[in-house]
Amino acid sequence: MRAVVVRQPGVVELAEVPTPEPGRGAVRIEVAAAAVNPVDLMVRDGVGGTLFAADREQWGVGWDVAGTVDAVGEDVAGFEPGQAVIGISDRLDVSLAAQADYVVLDAGNVAPAPTSVDPVAAATIPLNGLTAMQALAALELRHGETLLVTGAAGAVGGFAVELAAAQGIRVIATAAAADEPAVRALGATDFVPRTRSLPDAVREVVAGGVDAALDAAALGPATLAAVRGGGRFVSVSVAATPIPLRGTTVTTVLVRSDRRQLEELVARVDAGKLTLRVAETLPLDAVGTAQRRLAEGGLRGRVVLVP
């Protein structure tokens, strides 16, 4: 089979490799679509060879997958060959990952696919949907509180705006000025163009600052300064996590697989309550082009690879 791999830092390639077999508790998925995310660029540029992951000769690329169960390992319940699923490969230290003809995942990393969208759209759910859901859970938001979401037009930020608004949270969103209509359509009550000084602009909307912030754009201290003293802050980037000043609670959330949460996201999609965005679809052998487009920025939605 073909798989996208990194064998030397800075170089991504499509290689011919043996098709993996599902072990105990795992399923093999025939990949229909796999989204491209910033973590893929990290793996390409050498994260796989750092303390984040065990040393190996080859690193697999890709975290998001939609496809069909092809084979089931021992002690797996709830999945059978031919079943449409989505899943997440939530590890850096693997030789093969989701951008391939086939991928093997633990059954706990997989959920039945939504029935209302095609696999290309479904492939945009796992990584960014779970990140947004887990970040919001860490903030322990209460109905009526105020939440600042940076990068609100991005993949994580867009999901966070929509999920928070559904909880009755007042969402103050920041993104490019041109994204205001789209971000408000997701449920943002207030909008701050990212060209403005964030703390000052937010305080014009909410006196004293917001109750909580989800820093999807990794702005760090600038986002924290818009949070009231004693408020809550969540970062999705280790490097952009600030010091918890003024009694704020600062948390870094790194995504983890969670089948129950995946199922909840799928249910929201099928109920028409979660918006999926695909920027472009490319063949698997155009992975280099897909990564370049992601690195250039400005995408609204994910580039998705189709084997």
Protein backbone atom coordinates (compact mmCIF):
# COMPACT_ATOMS: atom_id res chain seq x y z
CA MET A 1 0.00 0.00 0.00
CA ARG A 2 0.97 3.68 -0.20
CA ALA A 3 1.62 5.80 2.88
CA VAL A 4 2.80 9.34 3.54
CA VAL A 5 5.94 9.16 5.68
CA VAL A 6 8.89 11.22 6.87
CA ARG A 7 12.30 9.53 6.80
CA GLN A 8 14.45 12.64 7.09
CA PRO A 9 13.55 16.04 8.58
CA GLY A 10 11.94 18.42 6.12
CA VAL A 11 11.07 15.78 3.54
CA VAL A 12 7.65 14.20 3.16
CA GLU A 13 7.23 11.32 0.72
CA LEU A 14 4.67 8.82 -0.52
CA ALA A 15 6.18 5.37 -0.01
CA GLU A 16 5.21 1.79 -0.80
CA VAL A 17 4.96 -0.12 2.49
CA PRO A 18 3.42 -3.40 3.70
CA THR A 19 -0.26 -3.20 4.64
CA PRO A 20 -0.50 -3.27 8.46
CA GLU A 21 -2.48 -5.93 10.31
CA PRO A 22 -4.86 -5.06 13.16
CA GLY A 23 -3.76 -6.46 16.50
CA ARG A 24 -5.84 -7.14 19.58
CA GLY A 25 -8.31 -4.31 20.22
CA ALA A 26 -7.63 -2.62 16.87
CA VAL A 27 -9.34 -2.14 13.51
CA ARG A 28 -7.92 -1.59 10.05
CA ILE A 29 -9.58 1.17 8.05
CA GLU A 30 -9.51 1.51 4.28
CA VAL A 31 -8.95 5.25 4.02
CA ALA A 32 -11.41 7.32 1.98
CA ALA A 33 -10.17 10.72 3.14
CA ALA A 34 -7.52 12.14 5.48
CA ALA A 35 -7.29 15.80 6.51
CA VAL A 36 -4.03 17.79 6.58
CA ASN A 37 -3.27 19.63 9.85
CA PRO A 38 -0.45 21.78 11.29
CA VAL A 39 0.83 18.79 13.30
CA ASP A 40 1.74 17.17 9.96
CA LEU A 41 4.18 20.01 9.29
CA MET A 42 5.69 19.50 12.75
CA VAL A 43 6.27 15.82 12.01
CA ARG A 44 7.76 16.67 8.62
CA ASP A 45 10.14 19.20 10.14
CA GLY A 46 11.50 16.83 12.76
CA VAL A 47 9.24 16.66 15.80
CA GLY A 48 9.27 12.89 15.45
CA GLY A 49 12.96 12.89 16.32
CA THR A 50 12.58 14.98 19.49
CA LEU A 51 11.53 14.11 23.02
CA PHE A 52 7.90 14.22 21.85
CA ALA A 53 8.31 10.80 20.25
CA ALA A 54 10.45 7.70 20.39
CA ASP A 55 13.29 7.53 17.89
CA ARG A 56 12.56 5.54 14.73
CA GLU A 57 13.59 5.38 11.09
CA GLN A 58 10.22 6.47 9.75
CA TRP A 59 7.30 8.54 11.02
CA GLY A 60 3.76 8.25 9.73
CA VAL A 61 1.83 11.40 8.85
CA GLY A 62 -1.84 12.24 9.38
CA TRP A 63 -4.20 12.29 12.37
CA ASP A 64 -7.69 12.55 10.82
CA VAL A 65 -9.30 9.73 8.87
CA ALA A 66 -12.65 8.77 7.39
CA GLY A 67 -13.15 5.45 5.68
CA THR A 68 -14.47 1.93 5.95
CA VAL A 69 -13.54 -0.83 8.39
CA ASP A 70 -11.53 -3.38 6.42
CA ALA A 71 -10.49 -5.85 9.13
CA VAL A 72 -11.07 -6.26 12.87
CA GLY A 73 -8.61 -7.55 15.46
CA GLU A 74 -9.42 -9.77 18.45
CA ASP A 75 -11.50 -8.41 21.33
CA VAL A 76 -13.12 -5.65 19.28
CA ALA A 77 -16.83 -5.05 19.77
CA GLY A 78 -19.05 -2.65 17.87
CA PHE A 79 -17.24 -2.62 14.54
CA GLU A 80 -17.39 -4.90 11.53
CA PRO A 81 -15.96 -4.92 7.99
CA GLY A 82 -17.76 -2.58 5.63
CA GLN A 83 -18.79 -0.12 8.36
CA ALA A 84 -18.21 3.58 7.65
CA VAL A 85 -16.15 5.20 10.41
CA ILE A 86 -14.04 8.19 11.38
CA GLY A 87 -11.00 8.08 13.63
CA ILE A 88 -7.95 9.79 15.02
CA SER A 89 -4.32 8.68 15.06
CA ASP A 90 -3.33 10.68 18.15
CA ARG A 91 0.35 9.72 18.45
CA LEU A 92 3.55 11.12 17.02
CA ASP A 93 5.71 8.03 17.50
CA VAL A 94 4.18 5.76 14.83
CA SER A 95 5.62 4.46 11.60
CA LEU A 96 2.32 4.67 9.73
CA ALA A 97 -0.59 7.04 10.28
CA ALA A 98 -3.80 8.23 8.65
CA GLN A 99 -2.49 9.53 5.32
CA ALA A 100 -2.27 6.15 3.64
CA ASP A 101 -4.37 3.61 1.77
CA TYR A 102 -4.99 1.78 5.06
CA VAL A 103 -4.48 2.68 8.72
CA VAL A 104 -4.72 0.59 11.90
CA LEU A 105 -6.21 2.31 14.95
CA ASP A 106 -7.21 1.23 18.43
CA ALA A 107 -10.97 0.72 18.52
CA GLY A 108 -11.24 3.47 21.14
CA ASN A 109 -9.96 5.95 18.55
CA VAL A 110 -12.79 5.18 16.13
CA ALA A 111 -16.50 6.03 15.90
CA PRO A 112 -19.26 5.37 13.36
CA ALA A 113 -19.17 8.02 10.63
CA PRO A 114 -21.90 10.63 10.21
CA THR A 115 -24.58 9.67 7.71
CA SER A 116 -25.34 13.22 6.55
CA VAL A 117 -21.97 14.14 5.00
CA ASP A 118 -19.45 12.49 2.69
CA PRO A 119 -16.10 11.07 3.91
CA VAL A 120 -14.18 14.17 2.78
CA ALA A 121 -16.19 16.40 5.12
CA ALA A 122 -16.24 13.74 7.85
CA ALA A 123 -12.44 13.59 7.84
CA THR A 124 -12.31 17.16 9.18
CA ILE A 125 -14.02 16.22 12.45
CA PRO A 126 -11.71 14.21 14.75
CA LEU A 127 -8.57 16.22 15.57
CA ASN A 128 -10.02 19.72 15.58
CA GLY A 129 -13.45 18.77 16.89
CA LEU A 130 -11.98 16.85 19.83
CA THR A 131 -9.46 19.63 20.54
CA ALA A 132 -12.24 22.24 20.70
CA MET A 133 -14.48 20.04 22.83
CA GLN A 134 -11.72 19.14 25.28
CA ALA A 135 -10.53 22.74 25.55
CA LEU A 136 -14.04 23.94 26.35
CA ALA A 137 -14.44 21.18 28.94
CA ALA A 138 -11.21 22.30 30.63
CA LEU A 139 -12.61 25.83 30.95
CA GLU A 140 -15.68 24.56 32.86
CA LEU A 141 -17.87 27.24 31.33
CA ARG A 142 -21.24 28.10 32.82
CA HIS A 143 -24.32 29.36 30.98
CA GLY A 144 -24.11 33.10 30.38
CA GLU A 145 -20.36 33.45 30.91
CA THR A 146 -18.16 35.27 28.41
CA LEU A 147 -15.59 33.42 26.31
CA LEU A 148 -12.92 34.85 24.03
CA VAL A 149 -11.95 32.60 21.12
CA THR A 150 -8.87 33.59 19.11
CA GLY A 151 -8.39 32.20 15.62
CA ALA A 152 -12.18 31.89 15.46
CA ALA A 153 -12.21 31.32 11.70
CA GLY A 154 -9.73 28.45 11.94
CA ALA A 155 -10.47 24.75 12.36
CA VAL A 156 -10.27 24.53 16.17
CA GLY A 157 -11.59 28.06 16.72
CA GLY A 158 -14.59 27.59 14.45
CA PHE A 159 -15.66 24.41 16.22
CA ALA A 160 -15.11 26.09 19.60
CA VAL A 161 -17.32 29.07 18.70
CA GLU A 162 -20.16 26.82 17.58
CA LEU A 163 -19.91 24.39 20.50
CA ALA A 164 -19.69 27.18 23.09
CA ALA A 165 -22.60 29.14 21.62
CA ALA A 166 -24.72 25.98 21.81
CA GLN A 167 -24.01 25.91 25.58
CA GLY A 168 -25.42 29.41 26.04
CA ILE A 169 -21.99 31.04 26.29
CA ARG A 170 -21.49 34.61 25.07
CA VAL A 171 -18.64 34.26 22.55
CA ILE A 172 -16.32 37.13 21.67
CA ALA A 173 -14.41 36.05 18.57
CA THR A 174 -11.28 37.41 16.95
CA ALA A 175 -10.21 36.73 13.38
CA ALA A 176 -9.53 38.60 10.14
CA ALA A 177 -12.09 41.33 9.44
CA ALA A 178 -13.28 39.51 6.31
CA ASP A 179 -14.22 36.50 8.43
CA GLU A 180 -16.71 38.37 10.63
CA PRO A 181 -19.88 37.21 8.81
CA ALA A 182 -18.79 33.56 8.86
CA VAL A 183 -17.75 33.67 12.51
CA ARG A 184 -20.99 35.34 13.57
CA ALA A 185 -22.89 32.68 11.62
CA LEU A 186 -21.19 30.08 13.82
CA GLY A 187 -22.64 31.77 16.89
CA ALA A 188 -20.23 34.53 17.96
CA THR A 189 -22.07 37.35 19.71
CA ASP A 190 -19.26 39.89 19.39
CA PHE A 191 -16.34 40.25 16.98
CA VAL A 192 -12.89 41.83 17.30
CA PRO A 193 -10.70 42.20 14.17
CA ARG A 194 -7.31 40.67 14.82
CA THR A 195 -5.60 43.91 13.74
CA ARG A 196 -6.78 45.59 16.95
CA SER A 197 -5.07 45.46 20.34
CA LEU A 198 -6.81 42.45 21.82
CA PRO A 199 -6.99 43.40 25.54
CA ASP A 200 -8.23 46.93 24.80
CA ALA A 201 -10.76 45.82 22.21
CA VAL A 202 -12.17 43.07 24.42
CA ARG A 203 -12.58 45.44 27.37
CA GLU A 204 -14.67 47.71 25.16
CA VAL A 205 -17.06 44.77 24.81
CA VAL A 206 -16.79 43.25 28.32
CA ALA A 207 -15.79 45.53 31.19
CA GLY A 208 -12.94 44.01 33.18
CA GLY A 209 -12.27 41.28 30.62
CA VAL A 210 -13.82 37.95 29.70
CA ASP A 211 -14.43 35.09 32.10
CA ALA A 212 -12.42 32.68 29.97
CA ALA A 213 -10.38 32.41 26.79
CA LEU A 214 -9.61 29.65 24.33
CA ASP A 215 -6.41 30.69 22.55
CA ALA A 216 -6.70 28.73 19.30
CA ALA A 217 -4.47 31.25 17.50
CA ALA A 218 -1.63 30.73 20.03
CA LEU A 219 -1.29 34.43 20.83
CA GLY A 220 -0.30 33.68 24.43
CA PRO A 221 0.11 36.73 26.70
CA ALA A 222 -2.03 39.03 24.54
CA THR A 223 -4.99 36.67 24.96
CA LEU A 224 -4.37 36.18 28.67
CA ALA A 225 -4.39 39.96 29.17
CA ALA A 226 -7.98 40.05 27.91
CA VAL A 227 -9.12 37.68 30.69
CA ARG A 228 -10.33 39.12 34.00
CA GLY A 229 -8.35 38.44 37.15
CA GLY A 230 -9.18 34.98 38.48
CA GLY A 231 -10.50 33.87 35.08
CA ARG A 232 -9.63 30.79 33.05
CA PHE A 233 -7.38 30.38 30.01
CA VAL A 234 -6.75 27.40 27.76
CA SER A 235 -3.97 27.10 25.21
CA VAL A 236 -3.70 24.40 22.55
CA SER A 237 0.03 25.06 22.14
CA VAL A 238 2.73 24.25 24.69
CA ALA A 239 4.99 26.96 23.28
CA ALA A 240 2.27 29.64 23.51
CA THR A 241 1.09 28.85 27.06
CA PRO A 242 1.68 31.96 29.22
CA ILE A 243 2.50 32.31 32.93
CA PRO A 244 -0.75 32.32 34.99
CA LEU A 245 -0.73 35.94 36.18
CA ARG A 246 -3.46 37.74 38.21
CA GLY A 247 -4.80 34.52 39.70
CA THR A 248 -5.88 33.09 36.35
CA THR A 249 -6.07 29.36 35.82
CA VAL A 250 -3.94 28.47 32.79
CA THR A 251 -4.24 25.05 31.15
CA THR A 252 -2.65 23.50 28.09
CA VAL A 253 -4.90 21.03 26.29
CA LEU A 254 -3.33 18.51 23.92
CA VAL A 255 -5.90 16.39 22.14
CA ARG A 256 -6.55 12.79 23.16
CA SER A 257 -8.72 10.14 21.56
CA ASP A 258 -12.18 9.73 23.10
CA ARG A 259 -14.77 7.56 21.38
CA ARG A 260 -17.69 8.99 23.36
CA GLN A 261 -16.75 12.54 22.37
CA LEU A 262 -16.28 11.49 18.74
CA GLU A 263 -19.77 10.02 18.81
CA GLU A 264 -21.14 13.27 20.26
CA LEU A 265 -19.49 15.29 17.49
CA VAL A 266 -20.93 12.94 14.86
CA ALA A 267 -24.39 13.29 16.40
CA ARG A 268 -24.09 17.08 16.23
CA VAL A 269 -23.10 16.89 12.55
CA ASP A 270 -26.06 14.66 11.72
CA ALA A 271 -28.38 17.00 13.64
CA GLY A 272 -27.14 19.96 11.59
CA LYS A 273 -25.55 21.56 14.65
CA LEU A 274 -21.86 21.42 13.69
CA THR A 275 -20.43 23.07 10.60
CA LEU A 276 -17.77 21.22 8.60
CA ARG A 277 -15.50 23.13 6.23
CA VAL A 278 -13.36 21.72 3.43
CA ALA A 279 -11.02 24.15 1.68
CA GLU A 280 -9.81 21.77 -1.04
CA THR A 281 -9.55 18.10 -1.94
CA LEU A 282 -6.33 16.69 -3.40
CA PRO A 283 -5.06 13.19 -4.26
CA LEU A 284 -2.76 11.44 -1.78
CA ASP A 285 0.26 11.89 -4.06
CA ALA A 286 -0.21 15.68 -3.86
CA VAL A 287 0.63 15.74 -0.15
CA GLY A 288 3.51 18.15 -0.77
CA THR A 289 1.14 20.63 -2.40
CA ALA A 290 -1.36 20.20 0.43
CA GLN A 291 1.29 20.94 3.05
CA ARG A 292 2.48 24.03 1.17
CA ARG A 293 -1.04 25.40 1.01
CA LEU A 294 -1.53 24.81 4.71
CA ALA A 295 1.79 26.52 5.52
CA GLU A 296 0.85 29.56 3.41
CA GLY A 297 -2.14 30.15 5.70
CA GLY A 298 -5.44 31.80 4.96
CA LEU A 299 -7.37 28.55 4.51
CA ARG A 300 -10.93 28.45 5.75
CA GLY A 301 -11.42 24.74 6.29
CA ARG A 302 -9.08 21.83 5.84
CA VAL A 303 -7.26 20.49 2.81
CA VAL A 304 -8.27 16.82 2.56
CA LEU A 305 -6.28 14.06 0.85
CA VAL A 306 -8.12 11.30 -1.01
CA PRO A 307 -6.22 8.05 -1.80
